[in-house]
Amino acid sequence: MTEESTALAPFLTAWFEILDSDEPNRILDLISDDFSLSILFSTGDGEATDFAGGRSALVGYLEQRERGTRTHHLLSATTLGQDELFLGEVRRGGVPEASFVAAGRVEGKRLKRLLIGRSSEIRFD
C-alpha cells in the first residue's frame, strides 16, 4: 500500500499490510477483548457472505481466505477521533478485482469494532 500517504488511517493501513503479509494471523494480536466485526462481501449475482461476531468470526474469516492471492490498496482514508475510514481496492495479481470500504474504531492500541463491505460491482478510479 504505497500509492498515497497512509498517515490518515494508520491503524487500518497497518491492519491491511499485515493481512497481505505471510503472517495474516498477527491481526489477532491487534483486537480488543470485546472486539466485534462484520465483513460483508459480494460473491456475485446479488449474493453476499457475512462474517459477523467476535474473535471467532475473525478467525473463521482468516481461515477461508486465499492467502497471498489478493492485496489491499489504499485509495483514500481519514481519521475522525477514534474512528478510521479506509476506501480501498482489492487486486489479484495486480489486477483490480473489487472495491472495499472499511470503518474501524480504535481504542488505545487495539481495534474494538470493524465493518468492511466489498463489491466487485463498483470501482473508485
N, C-alpha and C. Protein backbone atom coordinates (compact mmCIF):
# COMPACT_ATOMS: atom_id res chain seq x y z
N MET A 1 0.84 -1.18 0.00
CA MET A 1 0.00 0.00 0.00
C MET A 1 0.88 1.23 0.00
N THR A 2 1.33 1.60 -1.15
CA THR A 2 2.25 2.71 -1.24
C THR A 2 1.74 3.84 -2.12
N GLU A 3 0.50 3.77 -2.60
CA GLU A 3 0.01 4.76 -3.54
C GLU A 3 -0.06 6.18 -2.95
N GLU A 4 -0.47 6.31 -1.69
CA GLU A 4 -0.65 7.61 -1.07
C GLU A 4 -0.14 7.57 0.36
N SER A 5 -0.09 8.73 0.98
CA SER A 5 0.29 8.79 2.39
C SER A 5 -0.71 7.98 3.21
N THR A 6 -0.21 7.24 4.17
CA THR A 6 -1.09 6.41 4.98
C THR A 6 -1.31 6.99 6.38
N ALA A 7 -0.86 8.21 6.62
CA ALA A 7 -0.96 8.80 7.95
C ALA A 7 -2.40 9.07 8.36
N LEU A 8 -3.33 9.10 7.42
CA LEU A 8 -4.70 9.45 7.76
C LEU A 8 -5.50 8.31 8.38
N ALA A 9 -5.09 7.10 8.23
CA ALA A 9 -5.72 5.94 8.87
C ALA A 9 -4.63 4.94 9.22
N PRO A 10 -3.78 5.29 10.17
CA PRO A 10 -2.59 4.46 10.42
C PRO A 10 -2.90 3.04 10.90
N PHE A 11 -3.92 2.87 11.72
CA PHE A 11 -4.22 1.54 12.24
C PHE A 11 -4.72 0.62 11.13
N LEU A 12 -5.72 1.08 10.37
CA LEU A 12 -6.26 0.24 9.31
C LEU A 12 -5.24 0.01 8.20
N THR A 13 -4.39 0.98 7.95
CA THR A 13 -3.33 0.80 6.96
C THR A 13 -2.41 -0.34 7.39
N ALA A 14 -2.01 -0.32 8.65
CA ALA A 14 -1.17 -1.40 9.17
C ALA A 14 -1.92 -2.73 9.16
N TRP A 15 -3.20 -2.70 9.49
CA TRP A 15 -4.04 -3.90 9.50
C TRP A 15 -4.00 -4.59 8.13
N PHE A 16 -4.24 -3.83 7.06
CA PHE A 16 -4.27 -4.43 5.72
C PHE A 16 -2.88 -4.87 5.26
N GLU A 17 -1.85 -4.17 5.70
CA GLU A 17 -0.49 -4.62 5.38
C GLU A 17 -0.21 -5.97 6.02
N ILE A 18 -0.64 -6.15 7.27
CA ILE A 18 -0.46 -7.43 7.95
C ILE A 18 -1.31 -8.51 7.28
N LEU A 19 -2.54 -8.16 6.93
CA LEU A 19 -3.44 -9.11 6.27
C LEU A 19 -2.84 -9.61 4.96
N ASP A 20 -2.10 -8.76 4.26
CA ASP A 20 -1.47 -9.13 2.98
C ASP A 20 -0.12 -9.81 3.16
N SER A 21 0.36 -9.90 4.39
CA SER A 21 1.69 -10.45 4.65
C SER A 21 1.65 -11.98 4.69
N ASP A 22 2.80 -12.57 4.95
CA ASP A 22 2.91 -14.02 5.08
C ASP A 22 2.35 -14.52 6.41
N GLU A 23 2.05 -13.60 7.34
CA GLU A 23 1.53 -13.97 8.66
C GLU A 23 0.27 -13.16 8.99
N PRO A 24 -0.82 -13.34 8.22
CA PRO A 24 -2.02 -12.53 8.46
C PRO A 24 -2.66 -12.75 9.83
N ASN A 25 -2.40 -13.89 10.46
CA ASN A 25 -2.98 -14.15 11.78
C ASN A 25 -2.47 -13.19 12.85
N ARG A 26 -1.42 -12.43 12.55
CA ARG A 26 -0.92 -11.44 13.51
C ARG A 26 -1.96 -10.38 13.82
N ILE A 27 -2.97 -10.20 12.95
CA ILE A 27 -4.00 -9.20 13.26
C ILE A 27 -4.80 -9.59 14.50
N LEU A 28 -4.78 -10.88 14.84
CA LEU A 28 -5.49 -11.32 16.06
C LEU A 28 -4.89 -10.69 17.31
N ASP A 29 -3.63 -10.28 17.25
CA ASP A 29 -2.97 -9.61 18.38
C ASP A 29 -3.38 -8.15 18.50
N LEU A 30 -4.11 -7.63 17.50
CA LEU A 30 -4.46 -6.21 17.47
C LEU A 30 -5.90 -5.92 17.86
N ILE A 31 -6.63 -6.94 18.29
CA ILE A 31 -8.04 -6.72 18.61
C ILE A 31 -8.26 -6.67 20.12
N SER A 32 -9.28 -5.92 20.51
CA SER A 32 -9.62 -5.78 21.94
C SER A 32 -10.35 -7.03 22.42
N ASP A 33 -10.49 -7.14 23.74
CA ASP A 33 -11.20 -8.27 24.33
C ASP A 33 -12.67 -8.30 23.92
N ASP A 34 -13.26 -7.11 23.68
CA ASP A 34 -14.67 -7.04 23.30
C ASP A 34 -14.84 -6.69 21.82
N PHE A 35 -13.90 -7.10 21.00
CA PHE A 35 -13.90 -6.85 19.56
C PHE A 35 -15.14 -7.45 18.90
N SER A 36 -15.69 -6.71 17.94
CA SER A 36 -16.75 -7.27 17.09
C SER A 36 -16.58 -6.73 15.68
N LEU A 37 -17.05 -7.54 14.73
CA LEU A 37 -16.87 -7.19 13.32
C LEU A 37 -18.02 -7.68 12.48
N SER A 38 -18.10 -7.09 11.30
CA SER A 38 -18.92 -7.61 10.22
C SER A 38 -18.13 -7.35 8.95
N ILE A 39 -17.81 -8.42 8.24
CA ILE A 39 -17.15 -8.32 6.94
C ILE A 39 -18.13 -8.89 5.93
N LEU A 40 -18.69 -8.02 5.13
CA LEU A 40 -19.70 -8.39 4.15
C LEU A 40 -19.11 -8.22 2.76
N PHE A 41 -19.05 -9.30 1.99
CA PHE A 41 -18.53 -9.14 0.65
C PHE A 41 -19.39 -9.86 -0.38
N SER A 42 -19.51 -9.18 -1.50
CA SER A 42 -20.29 -9.70 -2.60
C SER A 42 -19.64 -10.96 -3.15
N THR A 43 -20.48 -11.94 -3.45
CA THR A 43 -20.00 -13.17 -4.10
C THR A 43 -20.56 -13.27 -5.52
N GLY A 44 -21.18 -12.18 -5.99
CA GLY A 44 -21.73 -12.13 -7.34
C GLY A 44 -23.20 -12.50 -7.39
N ASP A 45 -23.85 -12.11 -8.47
CA ASP A 45 -25.27 -12.41 -8.70
C ASP A 45 -26.17 -11.99 -7.55
N GLY A 46 -25.85 -10.88 -6.91
CA GLY A 46 -26.68 -10.37 -5.83
C GLY A 46 -26.53 -11.12 -4.52
N GLU A 47 -25.59 -12.02 -4.42
CA GLU A 47 -25.35 -12.79 -3.21
C GLU A 47 -24.19 -12.19 -2.43
N ALA A 48 -24.14 -12.47 -1.13
CA ALA A 48 -23.06 -11.94 -0.30
C ALA A 48 -22.78 -12.91 0.85
N THR A 49 -21.58 -12.81 1.38
CA THR A 49 -21.17 -13.58 2.54
C THR A 49 -20.85 -12.60 3.66
N ASP A 50 -21.30 -12.90 4.86
CA ASP A 50 -21.08 -12.02 6.00
C ASP A 50 -20.42 -12.81 7.12
N PHE A 51 -19.25 -12.36 7.53
CA PHE A 51 -18.59 -12.89 8.72
C PHE A 51 -18.88 -11.88 9.81
N ALA A 52 -19.65 -12.27 10.81
CA ALA A 52 -20.04 -11.34 11.87
C ALA A 52 -19.86 -11.99 13.22
N GLY A 53 -19.41 -11.19 14.18
CA GLY A 53 -19.23 -11.68 15.53
C GLY A 53 -17.98 -11.12 16.15
N GLY A 54 -17.34 -11.92 16.97
CA GLY A 54 -16.14 -11.50 17.68
C GLY A 54 -14.90 -12.18 17.14
N ARG A 55 -14.01 -12.52 18.04
CA ARG A 55 -12.73 -13.13 17.66
C ARG A 55 -12.91 -14.38 16.80
N SER A 56 -13.85 -15.25 17.15
CA SER A 56 -14.04 -16.49 16.39
C SER A 56 -14.49 -16.21 14.96
N ALA A 57 -15.28 -15.16 14.75
CA ALA A 57 -15.68 -14.80 13.39
C ALA A 57 -14.47 -14.32 12.59
N LEU A 58 -13.57 -13.59 13.23
CA LEU A 58 -12.36 -13.14 12.55
C LEU A 58 -11.47 -14.34 12.22
N VAL A 59 -11.36 -15.29 13.13
CA VAL A 59 -10.59 -16.50 12.86
C VAL A 59 -11.19 -17.24 11.67
N GLY A 60 -12.51 -17.37 11.62
CA GLY A 60 -13.19 -18.01 10.50
C GLY A 60 -12.93 -17.31 9.19
N TYR A 61 -12.94 -15.99 9.22
CA TYR A 61 -12.64 -15.21 8.02
C TYR A 61 -11.22 -15.49 7.55
N LEU A 62 -10.26 -15.47 8.48
CA LEU A 62 -8.87 -15.71 8.12
C LEU A 62 -8.66 -17.11 7.55
N GLU A 63 -9.36 -18.10 8.09
CA GLU A 63 -9.21 -19.48 7.63
C GLU A 63 -9.70 -19.69 6.21
N GLN A 64 -10.72 -18.95 5.78
CA GLN A 64 -11.27 -19.16 4.45
C GLN A 64 -10.58 -18.34 3.37
N ARG A 65 -9.74 -17.39 3.76
CA ARG A 65 -9.06 -16.53 2.79
C ARG A 65 -8.07 -17.32 1.94
N GLU A 66 -7.94 -16.89 0.70
CA GLU A 66 -6.90 -17.42 -0.18
C GLU A 66 -5.64 -16.60 0.09
N ARG A 67 -4.86 -17.05 1.04
CA ARG A 67 -3.68 -16.29 1.46
C ARG A 67 -2.71 -16.08 0.31
N GLY A 68 -2.24 -14.82 0.18
CA GLY A 68 -1.23 -14.49 -0.82
C GLY A 68 -1.75 -14.27 -2.23
N THR A 69 -3.07 -14.33 -2.43
CA THR A 69 -3.59 -14.14 -3.79
C THR A 69 -4.15 -12.75 -4.02
N ARG A 70 -4.61 -12.09 -2.97
CA ARG A 70 -5.19 -10.76 -3.09
C ARG A 70 -4.41 -9.77 -2.23
N THR A 71 -4.35 -8.53 -2.70
CA THR A 71 -3.72 -7.47 -1.92
C THR A 71 -4.68 -6.29 -1.82
N HIS A 72 -4.53 -5.54 -0.74
CA HIS A 72 -5.39 -4.39 -0.45
C HIS A 72 -4.61 -3.11 -0.72
N HIS A 73 -5.23 -2.18 -1.45
CA HIS A 73 -4.56 -0.95 -1.84
C HIS A 73 -5.39 0.27 -1.46
N LEU A 74 -4.74 1.20 -0.79
CA LEU A 74 -5.37 2.43 -0.32
C LEU A 74 -5.75 3.35 -1.48
N LEU A 75 -6.98 3.83 -1.47
CA LEU A 75 -7.41 4.88 -2.40
C LEU A 75 -7.57 6.20 -1.66
N SER A 76 -8.22 6.16 -0.48
CA SER A 76 -8.32 7.34 0.37
C SER A 76 -8.64 6.89 1.79
N ALA A 77 -8.35 7.78 2.74
CA ALA A 77 -8.57 7.43 4.14
C ALA A 77 -8.66 8.69 4.97
N THR A 78 -9.27 8.54 6.14
CA THR A 78 -9.33 9.64 7.09
C THR A 78 -9.52 9.07 8.50
N THR A 79 -9.23 9.89 9.48
CA THR A 79 -9.44 9.54 10.87
C THR A 79 -10.28 10.63 11.52
N LEU A 80 -11.30 10.21 12.25
CA LEU A 80 -12.18 11.12 12.98
C LEU A 80 -12.22 10.64 14.43
N GLY A 81 -11.44 11.25 15.29
CA GLY A 81 -11.37 10.80 16.68
C GLY A 81 -10.82 9.38 16.74
N GLN A 82 -11.61 8.47 17.33
CA GLN A 82 -11.20 7.06 17.44
C GLN A 82 -11.50 6.25 16.18
N ASP A 83 -12.20 6.86 15.23
CA ASP A 83 -12.68 6.13 14.06
C ASP A 83 -11.79 6.37 12.85
N GLU A 84 -11.46 5.28 12.16
CA GLU A 84 -10.70 5.35 10.92
C GLU A 84 -11.58 4.83 9.79
N LEU A 85 -11.54 5.55 8.68
CA LEU A 85 -12.29 5.18 7.48
C LEU A 85 -11.30 4.97 6.35
N PHE A 86 -11.47 3.91 5.60
CA PHE A 86 -10.48 3.48 4.61
C PHE A 86 -11.22 3.02 3.36
N LEU A 87 -10.97 3.67 2.23
CA LEU A 87 -11.51 3.25 0.94
C LEU A 87 -10.38 2.61 0.16
N GLY A 88 -10.60 1.40 -0.32
CA GLY A 88 -9.52 0.70 -0.98
C GLY A 88 -9.97 -0.14 -2.16
N GLU A 89 -8.98 -0.78 -2.73
CA GLU A 89 -9.19 -1.65 -3.88
C GLU A 89 -8.49 -2.98 -3.62
N VAL A 90 -9.14 -4.07 -3.92
CA VAL A 90 -8.56 -5.39 -3.81
C VAL A 90 -8.05 -5.78 -5.20
N ARG A 91 -6.80 -6.25 -5.24
CA ARG A 91 -6.22 -6.68 -6.51
C ARG A 91 -5.78 -8.13 -6.41
N ARG A 92 -5.95 -8.82 -7.50
CA ARG A 92 -5.47 -10.20 -7.63
C ARG A 92 -4.42 -10.19 -8.73
N GLY A 93 -3.20 -10.52 -8.36
CA GLY A 93 -2.12 -10.49 -9.34
C GLY A 93 -1.92 -9.11 -9.95
N GLY A 94 -2.18 -8.06 -9.17
CA GLY A 94 -2.02 -6.69 -9.64
C GLY A 94 -3.21 -6.16 -10.43
N VAL A 95 -4.21 -6.99 -10.70
CA VAL A 95 -5.38 -6.59 -11.47
C VAL A 95 -6.53 -6.27 -10.51
N PRO A 96 -7.13 -5.07 -10.64
CA PRO A 96 -8.25 -4.72 -9.74
C PRO A 96 -9.38 -5.74 -9.83
N GLU A 97 -9.85 -6.17 -8.64
CA GLU A 97 -10.91 -7.17 -8.57
C GLU A 97 -12.16 -6.63 -7.89
N ALA A 98 -11.98 -5.76 -6.89
CA ALA A 98 -13.13 -5.26 -6.13
C ALA A 98 -12.73 -3.97 -5.41
N SER A 99 -13.74 -3.21 -5.03
CA SER A 99 -13.56 -2.05 -4.17
C SER A 99 -14.06 -2.43 -2.78
N PHE A 100 -13.50 -1.78 -1.76
CA PHE A 100 -13.98 -2.04 -0.41
C PHE A 100 -13.90 -0.76 0.42
N VAL A 101 -14.72 -0.74 1.45
CA VAL A 101 -14.68 0.34 2.43
C VAL A 101 -14.61 -0.31 3.80
N ALA A 102 -13.77 0.25 4.64
CA ALA A 102 -13.60 -0.28 6.00
C ALA A 102 -13.74 0.87 6.99
N ALA A 103 -14.40 0.59 8.09
CA ALA A 103 -14.51 1.53 9.20
C ALA A 103 -14.08 0.79 10.45
N GLY A 104 -13.19 1.40 11.21
CA GLY A 104 -12.73 0.77 12.43
C GLY A 104 -12.70 1.75 13.58
N ARG A 105 -13.03 1.28 14.77
CA ARG A 105 -12.92 2.08 15.98
C ARG A 105 -11.72 1.56 16.76
N VAL A 106 -10.76 2.45 16.98
CA VAL A 106 -9.52 2.10 17.66
C VAL A 106 -9.56 2.67 19.07
N GLU A 107 -9.28 1.81 20.04
CA GLU A 107 -9.17 2.26 21.43
C GLU A 107 -7.80 1.88 21.92
N GLY A 108 -7.00 2.88 22.19
CA GLY A 108 -5.61 2.63 22.58
C GLY A 108 -4.85 2.04 21.40
N LYS A 109 -4.32 0.86 21.59
CA LYS A 109 -3.57 0.19 20.53
C LYS A 109 -4.31 -1.04 20.00
N ARG A 110 -5.62 -1.08 20.23
CA ARG A 110 -6.42 -2.25 19.83
C ARG A 110 -7.63 -1.81 19.00
N LEU A 111 -8.05 -2.69 18.11
CA LEU A 111 -9.25 -2.45 17.32
C LEU A 111 -10.45 -3.01 18.07
N LYS A 112 -11.45 -2.18 18.27
CA LYS A 112 -12.64 -2.57 19.03
C LYS A 112 -13.78 -2.98 18.09
N ARG A 113 -13.97 -2.25 16.99
CA ARG A 113 -15.04 -2.53 16.03
C ARG A 113 -14.47 -2.46 14.62
N LEU A 114 -14.99 -3.33 13.74
CA LEU A 114 -14.57 -3.33 12.35
C LEU A 114 -15.75 -3.67 11.46
N LEU A 115 -15.97 -2.83 10.48
CA LEU A 115 -17.01 -3.04 9.49
C LEU A 115 -16.37 -2.91 8.12
N ILE A 116 -16.50 -3.96 7.29
CA ILE A 116 -15.93 -3.93 5.94
C ILE A 116 -17.01 -4.38 4.96
N GLY A 117 -17.13 -3.63 3.88
CA GLY A 117 -18.01 -4.00 2.77
C GLY A 117 -17.18 -4.05 1.50
N ARG A 118 -17.35 -5.11 0.71
CA ARG A 118 -16.56 -5.28 -0.51
C ARG A 118 -17.46 -5.71 -1.65
N SER A 119 -17.23 -5.10 -2.83
CA SER A 119 -18.02 -5.45 -4.01
C SER A 119 -17.17 -5.34 -5.27
N SER A 120 -17.39 -6.25 -6.18
CA SER A 120 -16.72 -6.18 -7.48
C SER A 120 -17.55 -5.42 -8.50
N GLU A 121 -18.70 -4.90 -8.06
CA GLU A 121 -19.62 -4.22 -8.96
C GLU A 121 -19.37 -2.73 -9.13
N ILE A 122 -18.44 -2.16 -8.37
CA ILE A 122 -18.19 -0.72 -8.44
C ILE A 122 -16.69 -0.45 -8.27
N ARG A 123 -16.20 0.54 -9.00
CA ARG A 123 -14.79 0.93 -8.91
C ARG A 123 -14.70 2.42 -8.57
N PHE A 124 -13.73 2.76 -7.76
CA PHE A 124 -13.43 4.16 -7.42
C PHE A 124 -12.12 4.52 -8.07
N ASP A 125 -12.13 4.75 -9.38
CA ASP A 125 -10.89 5.11 -10.08
C ASP A 125 -10.95 6.47 -10.70
